Protein backbone atom coordinates (compact mmCIF):
# COMPACT_ATOMS: atom_id res chain seq x y z
CA MET A 1 -5.61 -0.02 17.92
CA ILE A 2 -5.27 2.91 15.51
CA THR A 3 -2.02 4.81 15.79
CA TRP A 4 -2.33 8.30 14.36
CA ILE A 5 0.68 9.38 12.29
CA THR A 6 -0.85 12.78 11.49
CA ASP A 7 -4.23 14.33 12.23
CA THR A 8 -5.71 12.59 9.18
CA LEU A 9 -3.55 9.49 8.63
CA GLY A 10 -3.61 6.45 10.90
CA ARG A 11 -2.28 2.90 10.85
CA TRP A 12 -2.74 -0.46 12.56
CA ALA A 13 -0.82 -3.72 12.27
CA THR A 14 -1.16 -7.44 12.89
CA PRO A 15 1.15 -10.42 12.26
CA ASP A 16 0.79 -12.19 8.93
CA PRO A 17 -0.34 -15.75 9.75
CA GLU A 18 1.75 -17.18 6.88
CA GLU A 19 4.87 -14.99 6.86
CA GLU A 20 7.27 -13.57 9.43
CA ILE A 21 6.15 -10.03 8.65
CA TRP A 22 3.52 -7.57 9.84
CA MET A 23 0.50 -6.59 7.78
CA VAL A 24 -0.26 -2.89 8.04
CA GLY A 25 -3.51 -1.17 7.17
CA HIS A 26 -3.95 2.58 6.82
CA LEU A 27 -6.83 4.92 7.56
CA ILE A 28 -7.45 8.27 5.92
CA LYS A 29 -9.82 10.64 7.68
CA ASN A 30 -11.45 13.43 5.67
CA GLN A 31 -14.42 15.67 6.35
CA ASP A 32 -16.61 13.48 4.13
CA GLY A 33 -15.63 10.16 5.74
CA LEU A 34 -12.97 7.49 6.07
CA VAL A 35 -10.95 5.52 3.53
CA LEU A 36 -9.10 2.27 4.30
CA VAL A 37 -6.02 1.11 2.39
CA ASP A 38 -5.05 -2.61 2.32
CA PRO A 39 -6.87 -3.28 5.61
CA PRO A 40 -6.23 -6.42 7.69
CA VAL A 41 -8.94 -7.35 10.19
CA VAL A 42 -8.27 -7.27 13.92
CA PRO A 43 -10.82 -7.81 16.71
CA GLY A 44 -12.98 -4.77 17.32
CA LEU A 45 -11.91 -2.91 14.16
CA PRO A 46 -15.37 -2.69 12.51
CA GLN A 47 -16.93 -1.33 15.69
CA LEU A 48 -14.14 1.21 16.11
CA LEU A 49 -14.45 2.43 12.53
CA THR A 50 -18.24 2.66 12.75
CA GLY A 51 -17.87 4.92 15.78
CA MET A 52 -15.46 7.19 13.90
CA GLY A 53 -17.70 7.90 10.92
CA LEU A 54 -18.77 6.67 7.50
CA VAL A 55 -16.28 4.45 5.69
CA ARG A 56 -16.52 5.58 2.07
CA ALA A 57 -14.17 3.10 0.44
CA ILE A 58 -11.51 0.41 0.74
CA VAL A 59 -8.60 0.77 -1.69
CA LEU A 60 -6.24 -2.08 -2.58
CA THR A 61 -2.75 -1.40 -3.92
CA THR A 62 -2.21 -5.00 -5.06
CA PRO A 63 -4.28 -8.21 -5.34
CA ASP A 64 -1.94 -9.75 -2.76
CA HIS A 65 -3.38 -7.40 -0.11
CA THR A 66 -7.03 -8.39 -0.12
CA ARG A 67 -6.61 -9.19 3.59
CA GLY A 68 -9.88 -8.33 5.38
CA SER A 69 -11.32 -6.25 2.56
CA ARG A 70 -14.23 -8.49 1.61
CA TYR A 71 -15.41 -8.85 5.22
CA LEU A 72 -15.00 -5.16 6.04
CA SER A 73 -16.75 -4.16 2.83
CA GLU A 74 -19.79 -6.21 3.80
CA VAL A 75 -19.87 -5.12 7.44
CA LEU A 76 -19.28 -1.43 6.69
CA SER A 77 -21.33 -1.32 3.44
CA CYS A 78 -18.61 0.30 1.37
CA PRO A 79 -17.08 -0.45 -2.05
CA ILE A 80 -13.67 -1.99 -2.70
CA TYR A 81 -11.44 -0.31 -5.27
CA ALA A 82 -8.90 -2.58 -7.00
CA PRO A 83 -6.29 -1.91 -9.71
CA GLY A 84 -7.74 -2.50 -13.16
CA HIS A 85 -4.73 -4.59 -14.18
CA ALA A 86 -4.96 -6.86 -11.11
CA ASP A 87 -5.01 -10.63 -11.58
CA ARG A 88 -8.67 -11.61 -11.13
CA ASP A 89 -7.80 -15.07 -9.82
CA ARG A 90 -5.61 -13.63 -7.10
CA LEU A 91 -8.40 -11.28 -6.07
CA LYS A 92 -10.84 -14.18 -5.94
CA VAL A 93 -8.59 -15.94 -3.42
CA GLY A 94 -9.61 -13.15 -1.04
CA ARG A 95 -13.21 -13.35 -2.34
CA VAL A 96 -12.99 -9.91 -3.92
CA GLU A 97 -15.01 -10.52 -7.07
CA ASN A 98 -16.86 -7.32 -8.01
CA PRO A 99 -14.71 -4.35 -7.05
CA GLU A 100 -14.67 -0.87 -8.48
CA TRP A 101 -11.76 -0.94 -10.93
CA TYR A 102 -9.37 1.98 -11.01
CA GLU A 103 -6.58 2.93 -13.40
CA ASP A 104 -3.31 4.82 -13.39
CA GLY A 105 -3.84 8.55 -12.88
CA MET A 106 -7.35 8.29 -11.47
CA GLU A 107 -8.37 10.24 -8.38
CA LEU A 108 -9.85 8.03 -5.66
CA PRO A 109 -11.68 8.69 -2.39
CA GLY A 110 -9.38 10.07 0.29
CA ARG A 111 -7.79 12.52 -2.18
CA LEU A 112 -5.63 9.69 -3.47
CA ARG A 113 -4.09 9.76 -6.93
CA ALA A 114 -3.25 6.36 -8.46
CA ARG A 115 0.32 5.89 -9.73
CA ARG A 116 1.07 2.56 -11.38
CA ALA A 117 4.58 1.18 -10.90
CA VAL A 118 5.51 -1.55 -13.38
CA VAL A 119 8.87 -3.02 -12.37
CA LYS A 120 10.80 -4.54 -15.29
CA LEU A 121 14.00 -6.53 -14.86
CA PRO A 122 16.87 -6.25 -17.39
CA ASN A 123 15.68 -9.48 -19.06
CA GLY A 124 12.32 -7.83 -19.77
CA ARG A 125 10.38 -9.85 -17.20
CA THR A 126 7.80 -8.02 -15.09
CA TYR A 127 8.83 -8.42 -11.46
CA MET A 128 6.11 -6.32 -9.77
CA ASP A 129 3.09 -4.35 -10.94
CA GLU A 130 1.34 -2.35 -8.23
CA MET A 131 -0.49 0.88 -7.63
CA MET A 132 0.94 3.58 -5.42
CA LEU A 133 -1.51 6.04 -3.87
CA GLN A 134 -0.26 9.60 -3.76
CA ARG A 135 -1.51 12.47 -1.63
CA GLN A 136 0.03 15.87 -1.13
CA ASP A 137 1.25 14.81 2.32
CA ALA A 138 1.99 11.09 1.86
CA LEU A 139 2.68 8.22 -0.52
CA LEU A 140 1.02 4.89 0.29
CA VAL A 141 2.49 1.69 -1.18
CA GLY A 142 1.85 -2.02 -0.81
CA ASP A 143 4.93 -4.22 -1.22
CA LEU A 144 7.27 -1.87 -3.10
CA LEU A 145 8.74 -0.27 0.02
CA ALA A 146 8.84 -0.81 3.77
CA GLY A 147 9.88 1.41 6.65
CA ASN A 148 12.38 -0.06 9.11
CA PRO A 149 12.22 0.36 12.91
CA ASP A 150 15.44 2.40 12.81
CA GLY A 151 13.82 4.99 10.55
CA SER A 152 15.42 3.84 7.29
CA LEU A 153 13.60 2.81 4.13
CA ALA A 154 13.78 -0.69 2.61
CA VAL A 155 13.18 -1.15 -1.10
CA CYS A 156 11.58 -4.42 -2.22
CA PRO A 157 12.83 -7.14 -2.02
CA GLU A 158 15.10 -6.07 0.85
CA GLN A 159 12.28 -6.53 3.37
CA PHE A 160 11.35 -10.06 2.29
CA PRO A 161 13.61 -12.99 3.25
CA GLY A 162 14.85 -15.62 0.82
CA VAL A 163 14.67 -13.59 -2.41
CA SER A 164 17.41 -14.05 -5.00
CA GLY A 165 18.96 -11.26 -7.05
CA VAL A 166 18.20 -8.65 -4.41
CA ASP A 167 20.43 -5.86 -5.78
CA GLU A 168 19.12 -6.19 -9.32
CA LYS A 169 15.51 -6.24 -8.26
CA THR A 170 15.97 -3.41 -5.78
CA ARG A 171 17.43 -1.17 -8.49
CA ALA A 172 14.50 -1.97 -10.78
CA VAL A 173 11.92 -1.19 -8.08
CA ALA A 174 13.58 2.11 -7.18
CA GLN A 175 13.69 3.14 -10.84
CA ALA A 176 10.02 2.25 -11.44
CA ILE A 177 8.89 4.29 -8.43
CA LEU A 178 10.89 7.38 -9.39
CA GLU A 179 9.61 7.21 -12.97
CA LYS A 180 6.06 7.67 -11.63
CA VAL A 181 6.70 9.84 -8.57
CA THR A 182 9.81 11.94 -9.13
CA SER A 183 9.50 13.78 -5.81
CA PRO A 184 7.83 11.54 -3.23
CA PRO A 185 6.06 13.31 -0.35
CA PRO A 186 8.01 13.48 2.92
CA LEU A 187 5.92 10.68 4.45
CA ILE A 188 5.82 7.15 3.00
CA LEU A 189 3.34 4.64 4.42
CA THR A 190 3.82 0.98 3.55
CA GLY A 191 1.84 -2.25 3.69
CA HIS A 192 4.57 -3.80 5.85
CA GLY A 193 6.80 -2.17 8.41
CA TRP A 194 6.87 1.34 9.85
CA PRO A 195 6.17 4.81 8.45
CA TYR A 196 9.14 6.48 6.79
CA ALA A 197 9.70 10.21 7.10
CA GLY A 198 12.56 11.66 5.10
CA ASN A 199 13.96 12.19 1.63
CA GLY A 200 12.50 9.21 -0.18
CA ALA A 201 13.81 10.31 -3.57
CA SER A 202 17.39 10.41 -2.27
CA ARG A 203 17.03 6.98 -0.71
CA LEU A 204 15.66 5.51 -3.96
CA ARG A 205 18.44 7.05 -6.02
CA GLU A 206 20.96 5.46 -3.66
CA ARG A 207 19.43 2.05 -4.36
CA MET A 208 19.62 2.65 -8.13
CA ASP A 209 23.32 3.50 -7.90
CA ARG A 210 24.25 0.55 -5.74
């Protein structure tokens, strides 16, 4: 169920019941316990996690990724951390009503540092507003990026079908990420798709120049 990417970073995936994409959750294992990022629920997951150790926290990158957080929080008796700027109504859809709020720059359980990416289009409209979670060895993102099966990196909205103005929006996303994380770690873990290992900064600059 859990696929280990490194000794301390794992992932699992399940099909999204409403979209033709995969939902991916991530697991961080430290000496003081486990941290889950954007976790979907699959059969047997709570029992597996309980056998691995204490789950200290669940961290959401975006209110669109509540997924199984409320259920897992109750079963595993751990808090949910949500971005302070998140739309409360969208969180309530997933029945996440009293999370621990976190802000840009804060350090979270799992040795995660919050990096807020506010994506603005040329007309001034906010297109996306999410938290990235940065560690020394990895960058975890929700919908901003996605790893492809061939090892390449997709920049939102390239990974989502039926979106208009893809090139314009892709440039804006790449710019917003690089403004907050100028040198991404060599491993990027995403809420959809596969892990990406490579020069993320170079890939993002390519999208800005397109």
